[in-house]
Amino acid sequence: MTYAGGASDLGTIFKMDPDGSDFTVLHSFSGGASDGRNPRGSLTLDGGVLYGMTRHGGASDAGMIFKINANGSDFAVLHSFSGGASDGRY
């Protein structure tokens, strides 16, 4: 992932071959409640699905957890952070 760049300069998810060839952007973050922005950390792969998080975006603009298929399809928000004692943020 990249923290910035992509179509809206809000970060990307990308793939490439181990030798650096076949670089492809799988998702460009656009912000807002349904997409998020500025991804952070690492992706986790489980059964062909990638899981990750963003620093901003989501329903409260406090970051979110997302999933996306390894081929770039079916991006979805799994949790929007709201902050406070019972949730996280950023």
Protein backbone atom coordinates (compact mmCIF):
# COMPACT_ATOMS: atom_id res chain seq x y z
CA MET A 1 0.00 0.00 0.00
CA THR A 2 0.96 3.62 -0.39
CA TYR A 3 -0.12 6.33 2.07
CA ALA A 4 -0.66 8.87 -0.73
CA GLY A 5 -0.81 8.83 -4.51
CA GLY A 6 -3.42 7.27 -6.76
CA ALA A 7 -6.32 8.96 -8.49
CA SER A 8 -7.24 11.17 -5.50
CA ASP A 9 -3.77 11.29 -3.89
CA LEU A 10 -5.22 9.49 -0.84
CA GLY A 11 -3.32 6.20 -1.17
CA THR A 12 -3.39 2.95 -3.11
CA ILE A 13 -3.33 -0.80 -2.86
CA PHE A 14 -1.06 -2.31 -5.49
CA LYS A 15 0.39 -5.61 -6.64
CA MET A 16 3.50 -6.52 -8.59
CA ASP A 17 5.56 -9.57 -9.41
CA PRO A 18 8.55 -10.37 -7.18
CA ASP A 19 10.93 -9.13 -9.90
CA GLY A 20 9.18 -5.71 -9.97
CA SER A 21 7.31 -6.30 -13.23
CA ASP A 22 3.55 -6.21 -13.77
CA PHE A 23 2.90 -3.33 -11.34
CA THR A 24 -0.87 -2.82 -11.04
CA VAL A 25 -2.94 -0.51 -8.83
CA LEU A 26 -5.77 -2.60 -7.38
CA HIS A 27 -7.54 0.25 -5.57
CA SER A 28 -7.17 4.03 -5.31
CA PHE A 29 -8.65 5.40 -2.10
CA SER A 30 -11.04 8.33 -2.55
CA GLY A 31 -11.95 9.15 1.05
CA GLY A 32 -15.34 9.37 2.67
CA ALA A 33 -17.41 6.95 4.70
CA SER A 34 -17.44 4.16 2.13
CA ASP A 35 -13.80 4.17 1.05
CA GLY A 36 -11.33 5.64 3.53
CA ARG A 37 -7.98 7.29 2.87
CA ASN A 38 -4.32 7.07 3.80
CA PRO A 39 -3.84 3.33 4.39
CA ARG A 40 -1.42 2.32 7.15
CA GLY A 41 0.29 -0.84 8.32
CA SER A 42 0.47 -4.07 6.39
CA LEU A 43 -2.05 -6.12 4.49
CA THR A 44 -3.00 -9.60 5.68
CA LEU A 45 -3.90 -12.27 3.12
CA ASP A 46 -6.42 -14.97 4.05
CA GLY A 47 -7.90 -17.24 1.40
CA GLY A 48 -7.47 -14.81 -1.49
CA VAL A 49 -8.79 -11.83 0.48
CA LEU A 50 -6.59 -8.96 1.65
CA TYR A 51 -7.39 -7.15 4.91
CA GLY A 52 -6.00 -3.77 5.96
CA MET A 53 -6.71 -0.44 7.59
CA THR A 54 -6.65 3.27 6.90
CA ARG A 55 -5.69 6.18 9.11
CA HIS A 56 -8.58 8.39 7.95
CA GLY A 57 -11.95 7.90 6.31
CA GLY A 58 -14.84 5.75 7.39
CA ALA A 59 -18.06 7.00 8.97
CA SER A 60 -16.30 9.21 11.58
CA ASP A 61 -13.17 10.00 9.55
CA ALA A 62 -11.21 8.13 12.24
CA GLY A 63 -10.00 5.28 10.02
CA MET A 64 -11.42 1.92 9.09
CA ILE A 65 -10.74 -1.75 8.47
CA PHE A 66 -11.35 -3.00 4.93
CA LYS A 67 -11.14 -6.07 2.76
CA ILE A 68 -10.47 -6.48 -0.94
CA ASN A 69 -10.01 -9.55 -3.09
CA ALA A 70 -6.42 -10.13 -4.21
CA ASN A 71 -7.52 -9.43 -7.80
CA GLY A 72 -8.82 -5.96 -6.80
CA SER A 73 -12.53 -6.79 -6.78
CA ASP A 74 -15.11 -6.47 -4.00
CA PHE A 75 -13.62 -3.72 -1.84
CA ALA A 76 -15.67 -3.36 1.35
CA VAL A 77 -15.49 -1.51 4.67
CA LEU A 78 -15.67 -3.97 7.58
CA HIS A 79 -15.44 -1.49 10.47
CA SER A 80 -15.34 2.29 10.80
CA PHE A 81 -13.50 3.49 13.89
CA SER A 82 -15.32 6.12 15.94
CA GLY A 83 -12.81 6.84 18.71
CA GLY A 84 -13.62 6.95 22.39
CA ALA A 85 -13.08 4.41 25.16
CA SER A 86 -14.82 1.50 23.40
CA ASP A 87 -13.29 1.92 19.91
CA GLY A 88 -10.07 3.04 18.29
CA ARG A 89 -9.12 5.72 15.82
CA TYR A 90 -6.30 6.51 13.43
